[in-house]
PDB file of N, CA and C in Angstrom:
ATOM      1  N   MET A   1      15.606 -32.872  -9.983  1.00  0.00           N
ATOM      2  CA  MET A   1      15.688 -31.570  -9.399  1.00  0.00           C
ATOM      3  C   MET A   1      14.306 -31.131  -8.950  1.00  0.00           C
ATOM      4  N   ASN A   2      14.135 -29.908  -8.457  1.00  0.00           N
ATOM      5  CA  ASN A   2      12.901 -29.534  -7.809  1.00  0.00           C
ATOM      6  C   ASN A   2      11.954 -29.050  -8.990  1.00  0.00           C
ATOM      7  N   SER A   3      10.686 -29.597  -8.855  1.00  0.00           N
ATOM      8  CA  SER A   3       9.620 -29.157  -9.818  1.00  0.00           C
ATOM      9  C   SER A   3       9.045 -27.928  -9.223  1.00  0.00           C
ATOM     10  N   PRO A   4       8.256 -27.143 -10.074  1.00  0.00           N
ATOM     11  CA  PRO A   4       7.604 -25.970  -9.652  1.00  0.00           C
ATOM     12  C   PRO A   4       6.700 -26.077  -8.552  1.00  0.00           C
ATOM     13  N   GLU A   5       6.050 -27.362  -8.426  1.00  0.00           N
ATOM     14  CA  GLU A   5       5.142 -27.634  -7.303  1.00  0.00           C
ATOM     15  C   GLU A   5       5.826 -27.790  -5.964  1.00  0.00           C
ATOM     16  N   GLN A   6       7.112 -28.160  -5.965  1.00  0.00           N
ATOM     17  CA  GLN A   6       7.866 -28.349  -4.683  1.00  0.00           C
ATOM     18  C   GLN A   6       8.432 -27.029  -4.159  1.00  0.00           C
ATOM     19  N   THR A   7       8.656 -26.038  -4.971  1.00  0.00           N
ATOM     20  CA  THR A   7       9.304 -24.739  -4.496  1.00  0.00           C
ATOM     21  C   THR A   7       8.150 -23.720  -4.289  1.00  0.00           C
ATOM     22  N   SER A   8       8.303 -22.912  -3.323  1.00  0.00           N
ATOM     23  CA  SER A   8       7.361 -21.856  -3.047  1.00  0.00           C
ATOM     24  C   SER A   8       7.438 -20.806  -4.295  1.00  0.00           C
ATOM     25  N   PRO A   9       6.306 -20.142  -4.490  1.00  0.00           N
ATOM     26  CA  PRO A   9       6.397 -19.129  -5.583  1.00  0.00           C
ATOM     27  C   PRO A   9       7.537 -18.066  -5.426  1.00  0.00           C
ATOM     28  N   ARG A  10       7.627 -17.745  -4.130  1.00  0.00           N
ATOM     29  CA  ARG A  10       8.701 -16.723  -3.874  1.00  0.00           C
ATOM     30  C   ARG A  10      10.140 -17.223  -4.211  1.00  0.00           C
ATOM     31  N   GLN A  11      10.384 -18.543  -3.800  1.00  0.00           N
ATOM     32  CA  GLN A  11      11.697 -19.109  -4.230  1.00  0.00           C
ATOM     33  C   GLN A  11      11.817 -19.285  -5.717  1.00  0.00           C
ATOM     34  N   ARG A  12      10.732 -19.742  -6.382  1.00  0.00           N
ATOM     35  CA  ARG A  12      10.823 -19.863  -7.809  1.00  0.00           C
ATOM     36  C   ARG A  12      11.107 -18.543  -8.523  1.00  0.00           C
ATOM     37  N   LEU A  13      10.468 -17.476  -8.022  1.00  0.00           N
ATOM     38  CA  LEU A  13      10.733 -16.140  -8.624  1.00  0.00           C
ATOM     39  C   LEU A  13      12.251 -15.819  -8.448  1.00  0.00           C
ATOM     40  N   GLN A  14      12.708 -16.040  -7.347  1.00  0.00           N
ATOM     41  CA  GLN A  14      14.102 -15.711  -7.063  1.00  0.00           C
ATOM     42  C   GLN A  14      15.066 -16.486  -7.989  1.00  0.00           C
ATOM     43  N   GLN A  15      14.748 -17.734  -8.184  1.00  0.00           N
ATOM     44  CA  GLN A  15      15.445 -18.581  -9.163  1.00  0.00           C
ATOM     45  C   GLN A  15      15.457 -18.060 -10.562  1.00  0.00           C
ATOM     46  N   LEU A  16      14.275 -17.591 -11.029  1.00  0.00           N
ATOM     47  CA  LEU A  16      14.122 -17.057 -12.294  1.00  0.00           C
ATOM     48  C   LEU A  16      14.825 -15.732 -12.506  1.00  0.00           C
ATOM     49  N   LEU A  17      14.758 -14.932 -11.408  1.00  0.00           N
ATOM     50  CA  LEU A  17      15.415 -13.628 -11.538  1.00  0.00           C
ATOM     51  C   LEU A  17      16.900 -13.785 -11.451  1.00  0.00           C
ATOM     52  N   SER A  18      17.381 -14.906 -10.967  1.00  0.00           N
ATOM     53  CA  SER A  18      18.873 -15.081 -10.905  1.00  0.00           C
ATOM     54  C   SER A  18      19.464 -15.389 -12.363  1.00  0.00           C
ATOM     55  N   ILE A  19      18.574 -15.711 -13.337  1.00  0.00           N
ATOM     56  CA  ILE A  19      18.985 -15.987 -14.666  1.00  0.00           C
ATOM     57  C   ILE A  19      19.193 -14.618 -15.321  1.00  0.00           C
ATOM     58  N   PRO A  20      20.371 -14.444 -15.962  1.00  0.00           N
ATOM     59  CA  PRO A  20      20.537 -13.110 -16.728  1.00  0.00           C
ATOM     60  C   PRO A  20      19.440 -12.873 -17.717  1.00  0.00           C
ATOM     61  N   GLU A  21      19.054 -11.649 -17.919  1.00  0.00           N
ATOM     62  CA  GLU A  21      17.968 -11.267 -18.808  1.00  0.00           C
ATOM     63  C   GLU A  21      18.075 -11.759 -20.178  1.00  0.00           C
ATOM     64  N   ARG A  22      19.332 -11.703 -20.703  1.00  0.00           N
ATOM     65  CA  ARG A  22      19.529 -12.127 -22.107  1.00  0.00           C
ATOM     66  C   ARG A  22      19.411 -13.572 -22.291  1.00  0.00           C
ATOM     67  N   GLN A  23      19.490 -14.393 -21.202  1.00  0.00           N
ATOM     68  CA  GLN A  23      19.417 -15.819 -21.351  1.00  0.00           C
ATOM     69  C   GLN A  23      18.048 -16.368 -21.044  1.00  0.00           C
ATOM     70  N   ARG A  24      17.113 -15.557 -20.634  1.00  0.00           N
ATOM     71  CA  ARG A  24      15.774 -16.043 -20.310  1.00  0.00           C
ATOM     72  C   ARG A  24      15.015 -16.386 -21.516  1.00  0.00           C
ATOM     73  N   THR A  25      14.203 -17.517 -21.500  1.00  0.00           N
ATOM     74  CA  THR A  25      13.419 -17.804 -22.506  1.00  0.00           C
ATOM     75  C   THR A  25      12.030 -17.119 -22.350  1.00  0.00           C
ATOM     76  N   ASP A  26      11.193 -17.119 -23.372  1.00  0.00           N
ATOM     77  CA  ASP A  26       9.901 -16.509 -23.295  1.00  0.00           C
ATOM     78  C   ASP A  26       9.060 -17.170 -22.257  1.00  0.00           C
ATOM     79  N   ALA A  27       9.189 -18.476 -22.059  1.00  0.00           N
ATOM     80  CA  ALA A  27       8.376 -19.143 -21.083  1.00  0.00           C
ATOM     81  C   ALA A  27       8.815 -18.683 -19.696  1.00  0.00           C
ATOM     82  N   GLU A  28      10.221 -18.445 -19.460  1.00  0.00           N
ATOM     83  CA  GLU A  28      10.642 -18.044 -18.220  1.00  0.00           C
ATOM     84  C   GLU A  28      10.166 -16.550 -17.945  1.00  0.00           C
ATOM     85  N   TRP A  29      10.081 -15.720 -18.980  1.00  0.00           N
ATOM     86  CA  TRP A  29       9.605 -14.341 -18.781  1.00  0.00           C
ATOM     87  C   TRP A  29       8.157 -14.429 -18.413  1.00  0.00           C
ATOM     88  N   ASP A  30       7.321 -15.308 -19.060  1.00  0.00           N
ATOM     89  CA  ASP A  30       5.984 -15.393 -18.790  1.00  0.00           C
ATOM     90  C   ASP A  30       5.762 -15.843 -17.388  1.00  0.00           C
ATOM     91  N   GLU A  31       6.512 -16.832 -16.809  1.00  0.00           N
ATOM     92  CA  GLU A  31       6.477 -17.300 -15.565  1.00  0.00           C
ATOM     93  C   GLU A  31       6.865 -16.186 -14.491  1.00  0.00           C
ATOM     94  N   ILE A  32       7.841 -15.442 -14.822  1.00  0.00           N
ATOM     95  CA  ILE A  32       8.195 -14.287 -13.929  1.00  0.00           C
ATOM     96  C   ILE A  32       7.004 -13.346 -13.758  1.00  0.00           C
ATOM     97  N   ASN A  33       6.362 -13.048 -14.960  1.00  0.00           N
ATOM     98  CA  ASN A  33       5.272 -12.043 -14.884  1.00  0.00           C
ATOM     99  C   ASN A  33       4.115 -12.558 -14.127  1.00  0.00           C
ATOM    100  N   GLU A  34       3.805 -13.890 -14.231  1.00  0.00           N
ATOM    101  CA  GLU A  34       2.741 -14.571 -13.446  1.00  0.00           C
ATOM    102  C   GLU A  34       3.025 -14.521 -11.973  1.00  0.00           C
ATOM    103  N   LEU A  35       4.296 -14.883 -11.686  1.00  0.00           N
ATOM    104  CA  LEU A  35       4.629 -14.884 -10.232  1.00  0.00           C
ATOM    105  C   LEU A  35       4.640 -13.531  -9.594  1.00  0.00           C
ATOM    106  N   GLU A  36       5.058 -12.507 -10.271  1.00  0.00           N
ATOM    107  CA  GLU A  36       5.040 -11.112  -9.815  1.00  0.00           C
ATOM    108  C   GLU A  36       3.615 -10.705  -9.545  1.00  0.00           C
ATOM    109  N   ILE A  37       2.754 -11.008 -10.446  1.00  0.00           N
ATOM    110  CA  ILE A  37       1.330 -10.614 -10.256  1.00  0.00           C
ATOM    111  C   ILE A  37       0.695 -11.391  -9.123  1.00  0.00           C
ATOM    112  N   GLU A  38       1.036 -12.690  -8.986  1.00  0.00           N
ATOM    113  CA  GLU A  38       0.482 -13.509  -7.920  1.00  0.00           C
ATOM    114  C   GLU A  38       0.995 -12.997  -6.540  1.00  0.00           C
ATOM    115  N   LEU A  39       2.222 -12.621  -6.505  1.00  0.00           N
ATOM    116  CA  LEU A  39       2.775 -12.181  -5.131  1.00  0.00           C
ATOM    117  C   LEU A  39       2.577 -10.736  -4.894  1.00  0.00           C
ATOM    118  N   ALA A  40       1.924  -9.983  -5.745  1.00  0.00           N
ATOM    119  CA  ALA A  40       1.750  -8.500  -5.500  1.00  0.00           C
ATOM    120  C   ALA A  40       0.849  -8.350  -4.152  1.00  0.00           C
ATOM    121  N   PRO A  41       1.160  -7.316  -3.441  1.00  0.00           N
ATOM    122  CA  PRO A  41       0.316  -7.180  -2.195  1.00  0.00           C
ATOM    123  C   PRO A  41      -1.151  -7.121  -2.370  1.00  0.00           C
ATOM    124  N   GLY A  42      -1.572  -6.594  -3.403  1.00  0.00           N
ATOM    125  CA  GLY A  42      -3.104  -6.477  -3.648  1.00  0.00           C
ATOM    126  C   GLY A  42      -3.716  -7.811  -4.053  1.00  0.00           C
ATOM    127  N   ASN A  43      -2.949  -8.805  -4.452  1.00  0.00           N
ATOM    128  CA  ASN A  43      -3.469 -10.050  -4.960  1.00  0.00           C
ATOM    129  C   ASN A  43      -3.151 -11.196  -3.932  1.00  0.00           C
ATOM    130  N   ARG A  44      -2.673 -10.892  -2.803  1.00  0.00           N
ATOM    131  CA  ARG A  44      -2.485 -11.930  -1.806  1.00  0.00           C
ATOM    132  C   ARG A  44      -3.757 -12.384  -1.225  1.00  0.00           C
ATOM    133  N   GLU A  45      -3.988 -13.707  -0.929  1.00  0.00           N
ATOM    134  CA  GLU A  45      -5.169 -14.122  -0.283  1.00  0.00           C
ATOM    135  C   GLU A  45      -5.186 -13.780   1.178  1.00  0.00           C
ATOM    136  N   MET A  46      -6.261 -13.241   1.723  1.00  0.00           N
ATOM    137  CA  MET A  46      -6.379 -12.871   3.052  1.00  0.00           C
ATOM    138  C   MET A  46      -7.144 -13.968   3.861  1.00  0.00           C
ATOM    139  N   PRO A  47      -6.659 -14.280   5.042  1.00  0.00           N
ATOM    140  CA  PRO A  47      -7.511 -15.278   5.852  1.00  0.00           C
ATOM    141  C   PRO A  47      -8.745 -14.561   6.158  1.00  0.00           C
ATOM    142  N   GLN A  48      -9.843 -15.371   6.114  1.00  0.00           N
ATOM    143  CA  GLN A  48     -11.211 -14.864   6.278  1.00  0.00           C
ATOM    144  C   GLN A  48     -11.722 -14.800   7.779  1.00  0.00           C
ATOM    145  N   ASP A  49     -10.919 -15.429   8.650  1.00  0.00           N
ATOM    146  CA  ASP A  49     -11.343 -15.467  10.074  1.00  0.00           C
ATOM    147  C   ASP A  49     -10.899 -14.291  10.863  1.00  0.00           C
ATOM    148  N   ARG A  50     -10.116 -13.437  10.271  1.00  0.00           N
ATOM    149  CA  ARG A  50      -9.662 -12.194  11.005  1.00  0.00           C
ATOM    150  C   ARG A  50      -9.460 -11.009  10.083  1.00  0.00           C
ATOM    151  N   ASP A  51      -9.573  -9.844  10.619  1.00  0.00           N
ATOM    152  CA  ASP A  51      -9.346  -8.636   9.923  1.00  0.00           C
ATOM    153  C   ASP A  51      -7.874  -8.268   9.967  1.00  0.00           C
ATOM    154  N   ASN A  52      -7.174  -8.130   8.826  1.00  0.00           N
ATOM    155  CA  ASN A  52      -5.755  -7.895   8.752  1.00  0.00           C
ATOM    156  C   ASN A  52      -5.484  -6.444   8.744  1.00  0.00           C
ATOM    157  N   ARG A  53      -6.449  -5.509   8.649  1.00  0.00           N
ATOM    158  CA  ARG A  53      -6.150  -4.139   8.657  1.00  0.00           C
ATOM    159  C   ARG A  53      -5.684  -3.680   9.970  1.00  0.00           C
ATOM    160  N   ARG A  54      -4.567  -3.103  10.037  1.00  0.00           N
ATOM    161  CA  ARG A  54      -4.043  -2.527  11.399  1.00  0.00           C
ATOM    162  C   ARG A  54      -4.476  -1.105  11.478  1.00  0.00           C
ATOM    163  N   PRO A  55      -4.847  -0.609  12.546  1.00  0.00           N
ATOM    164  CA  PRO A  55      -5.153   0.746  12.844  1.00  0.00           C
ATOM    165  C   PRO A  55      -3.882   1.624  12.851  1.00  0.00           C
ATOM    166  N   THR A  56      -4.079   2.888  12.527  1.00  0.00           N
ATOM    167  CA  THR A  56      -2.999   3.785  12.529  1.00  0.00           C
ATOM    168  C   THR A  56      -2.449   3.957  13.968  1.00  0.00           C
ATOM    169  N   PRO A  57      -1.199   4.295  14.176  1.00  0.00           N
ATOM    170  CA  PRO A  57      -0.635   4.338  15.523  1.00  0.00           C
ATOM    171  C   PRO A  57      -1.386   5.353  16.343  1.00  0.00           C
ATOM    172  N   SER A  58      -1.841   6.517  15.757  1.00  0.00           N
ATOM    173  CA  SER A  58      -2.569   7.533  16.577  1.00  0.00           C
ATOM    174  C   SER A  58      -4.000   7.025  16.860  1.00  0.00           C
ATOM    175  N   ALA A  59      -4.579   6.215  15.930  1.00  0.00           N
ATOM    176  CA  ALA A  59      -5.853   5.726  16.249  1.00  0.00           C
ATOM    177  C   ALA A  59      -5.816   4.670  17.431  1.00  0.00           C
ATOM    178  N   ALA A  60      -4.717   3.877  17.432  1.00  0.00           N
ATOM    179  CA  ALA A  60      -4.534   2.891  18.405  1.00  0.00           C
ATOM    180  C   ALA A  60      -4.336   3.564  19.847  1.00  0.00           C
ATOM    181  N   ILE A  61      -3.667   4.636  19.811  1.00  0.00           N
ATOM    182  CA  ILE A  61      -3.349   5.314  21.141  1.00  0.00           C
ATOM    183  C   ILE A  61      -4.712   6.030  21.591  1.00  0.00           C
ATOM    184  N   PHE A  62      -5.362   6.781  20.826  1.00  0.00           N
ATOM    185  CA  PHE A  62      -6.429   7.562  21.227  1.00  0.00           C
ATOM    186  C   PHE A  62      -7.845   6.924  20.947  1.00  0.00           C
ATOM    187  N   GLY A  63      -7.907   5.798  20.377  1.00  0.00           N
ATOM    188  CA  GLY A  63      -9.086   5.095  20.163  1.00  0.00           C
ATOM    189  C   GLY A  63     -10.017   5.660  19.210  1.00  0.00           C
ATOM    190  N   LYS A  64      -9.565   6.576  18.295  1.00  0.00           N
ATOM    191  CA  LYS A  64     -10.463   7.155  17.398  1.00  0.00           C
ATOM    192  C   LYS A  64     -10.195   6.671  15.989  1.00  0.00           C
ATOM    193  N   PRO A  65     -11.130   6.562  15.171  1.00  0.00           N
ATOM    194  CA  PRO A  65     -10.863   6.124  13.771  1.00  0.00           C
ATOM    195  C   PRO A  65      -9.915   7.122  12.980  1.00  0.00           C
ATOM    196  N   GLY A  66     -10.097   8.402  13.189  1.00  0.00           N
ATOM    197  CA  GLY A  66      -9.356   9.362  12.453  1.00  0.00           C
ATOM    198  C   GLY A  66      -8.011   9.671  13.138  1.00  0.00           C
ATOM    199  N   GLY A  67      -7.672   9.200  14.295  1.00  0.00           N
ATOM    200  CA  GLY A  67      -6.428   9.526  14.969  1.00  0.00           C
ATOM    201  C   GLY A  67      -6.757  10.570  16.044  1.00  0.00           C
ATOM    202  N   ALA A  68      -5.666  11.208  16.399  1.00  0.00           N
ATOM    203  CA  ALA A  68      -5.665  12.109  17.628  1.00  0.00           C
ATOM    204  C   ALA A  68      -6.625  13.395  17.303  1.00  0.00           C
ATOM    205  N   GLY A  69      -6.374  13.951  16.089  1.00  0.00           N
ATOM    206  CA  GLY A  69      -7.114  15.239  15.790  1.00  0.00           C
ATOM    207  C   GLY A  69      -8.435  14.950  15.448  1.00  0.00           C
ATOM    208  N   GLY A  70      -8.815  13.715  14.867  1.00  0.00           N
ATOM    209  CA  GLY A  70     -10.122  13.469  14.418  1.00  0.00           C
ATOM    210  C   GLY A  70     -10.449  14.150  13.094  1.00  0.00           C
ATOM    211  N   GLY A  71      -9.576  14.996  12.612  1.00  0.00           N
ATOM    212  CA  GLY A  71      -9.911  15.764  11.342  1.00  0.00           C
ATOM    213  C   GLY A  71      -9.223  15.247  10.133  1.00  0.00           C
ATOM    214  N   GLY A  72      -8.531  14.145  10.222  1.00  0.00           N
ATOM    215  CA  GLY A  72      -7.952  13.611   8.957  1.00  0.00           C
ATOM    216  C   GLY A  72      -6.646  12.975   9.280  1.00  0.00           C
ATOM    217  N   GLY A  73      -5.751  12.866   8.238  1.00  0.00           N
ATOM    218  CA  GLY A  73      -4.525  12.182   8.337  1.00  0.00           C
ATOM    219  C   GLY A  73      -3.397  12.933   9.012  1.00  0.00           C
ATOM    220  N   GLN A  74      -2.214  12.364   8.943  1.00  0.00           N
ATOM    221  CA  GLN A  74      -1.031  13.061   9.593  1.00  0.00           C
ATOM    222  C   GLN A  74      -0.606  14.240   8.820  1.00  0.00           C
ATOM    223  N   GLY A  75      -0.303  15.286   9.557  1.00  0.00           N
ATOM    224  CA  GLY A  75       0.175  16.524   8.900  1.00  0.00           C
ATOM    225  C   GLY A  75      -0.955  17.367   8.345  1.00  0.00           C
ATOM    226  N   LYS A  76      -2.152  17.048   8.417  1.00  0.00           N
ATOM    227  CA  LYS A  76      -3.196  17.912   7.920  1.00  0.00           C
ATOM    228  C   LYS A  76      -3.795  18.775   9.074  1.00  0.00           C
ATOM    229  N   ARG A  77      -3.948  20.047   8.736  1.00  0.00           N
ATOM    230  CA  ARG A  77      -4.502  21.011   9.692  1.00  0.00           C
ATOM    231  C   ARG A  77      -6.053  20.941   9.537  1.00  0.00           C
ATOM    232  N   PRO A  78      -6.738  21.188  10.588  1.00  0.00           N
ATOM    233  CA  PRO A  78      -8.211  21.227  10.467  1.00  0.00           C
ATOM    234  C   PRO A  78      -8.672  22.625   9.690  1.00  0.00           C
ATOM    235  N   PHE A  79      -9.850  22.482   9.028  1.00  0.00           N
ATOM    236  CA  PHE A  79     -10.227  23.645   8.300  1.00  0.00           C
ATOM    237  C   PHE A  79     -10.473  24.826   9.175  1.00  0.00           C
ATOM    238  N   LYS A  80     -10.022  25.969   8.799  1.00  0.00           N
ATOM    239  CA  LYS A  80     -10.216  27.207   9.537  1.00  0.00           C
ATOM    240  C   LYS A  80     -11.066  28.160   8.687  1.00  0.00           C
ATOM    241  N   LYS A  81     -12.153  28.628   9.258  1.00  0.00           N
ATOM    242  CA  LYS A  81     -13.051  29.499   8.510  1.00  0.00           C
ATOM    243  C   LYS A  81     -12.397  30.855   8.339  1.00  0.00           C
ATOM    244  N   PRO A  82     -12.310  31.301   7.120  1.00  0.00           N
ATOM    245  CA  PRO A  82     -11.611  32.627   6.877  1.00  0.00           C
ATOM    246  C   PRO A  82     -12.371  33.750   7.581  1.00  0.00           C
ATOM    247  N   ASN A  83     -11.634  34.721   8.057  1.00  0.00           N
ATOM    248  CA  ASN A  83     -12.252  35.934   8.655  1.00  0.00           C
ATOM    249  C   ASN A  83     -12.945  36.750   7.584  1.00  0.00           C
ATOM    250  N   LYS A  84     -14.066  37.392   8.038  1.00  0.00           N
ATOM    251  CA  LYS A  84     -14.861  38.194   7.141  1.00  0.00           C
ATOM    252  C   LYS A  84     -14.125  39.557   7.025  1.00  0.00           C
ATOM    253  N   ARG A  85     -14.052  40.016   5.769  1.00  0.00           N
ATOM    254  CA  ARG A  85     -13.292  41.287   5.613  1.00  0.00           C
ATOM    255  C   ARG A  85     -14.124  42.490   6.048  1.00  0.00           C
ATOM    256  N   GLN A  86     -13.493  43.436   6.689  1.00  0.00           N
ATOM    257  CA  GLN A  86     -14.186  44.667   7.074  1.00  0.00           C
ATOM    258  C   GLN A  86     -14.465  45.451   5.831  1.00  0.00           C
ATOM    259  N   PRO A  87     -15.708  46.130   5.773  1.00  0.00           N
ATOM    260  CA  PRO A  87     -15.899  47.038   4.725  1.00  0.00           C
ATOM    261  C   PRO A  87     -15.015  48.257   4.651  1.00  0.00           C
ATOM    262  N   ARG A  88     -14.655  48.743   3.542  1.00  0.00           N
ATOM    263  CA  ARG A  88     -13.837  49.906   3.343  1.00  0.00           C
ATOM    264  C   ARG A  88     -14.609  51.203   3.757  1.00  0.00           C
ATOM    265  N   ARG A  89     -13.912  52.063   4.425  1.00  0.00           N
ATOM    266  CA  ARG A  89     -14.491  53.348   4.793  1.00  0.00           C
ATOM    267  C   ARG A  89     -14.316  54.367   3.585  1.00  0.00           C
ATOM    268  N   ASN A  90     -15.255  55.109   3.300  1.00  0.00           N
ATOM    269  CA  ASN A  90     -15.113  56.129   2.214  1.00  0.00           C
ATOM    270  C   ASN A  90     -14.331  57.377   2.855  1.00  0.00           C
ATOM    271  N   PRO A  91     -13.191  57.725   2.333  1.00  0.00           N
ATOM    272  CA  PRO A  91     -12.502  58.924   2.799  1.00  0.00           C
ATOM    273  C   PRO A  91     -13.178  60.130   2.240  1.00  0.00           C
ATOM    274  N   ARG A  92     -13.400  61.081   3.110  1.00  0.00           N
ATOM    275  CA  ARG A  92     -14.005  62.376   2.636  1.00  0.00           C
ATOM    276  C   ARG A  92     -13.024  63.519   2.340  1.00  0.00           C
TER     277      ARG A  92
END
């Protein structure tokens, strides 16, 4: 049958997850945990010859790092300075 070296980590994880939880051995649980950690988005190896970060759609359209407004992310309003309060008049 296939050895772990011949199957991709993603396929091996699917094989292990297809086993009912009550029937999994401790070694299979350990292997599931290792594969999930290995395949997590933060742990994937990135190619070093190119930058994989994609710009946000608004940054791509307007050519600015912060997007169209330049003041932050989507849905944020720019800071508005509060109006100065008028002093109270003393009634006589």
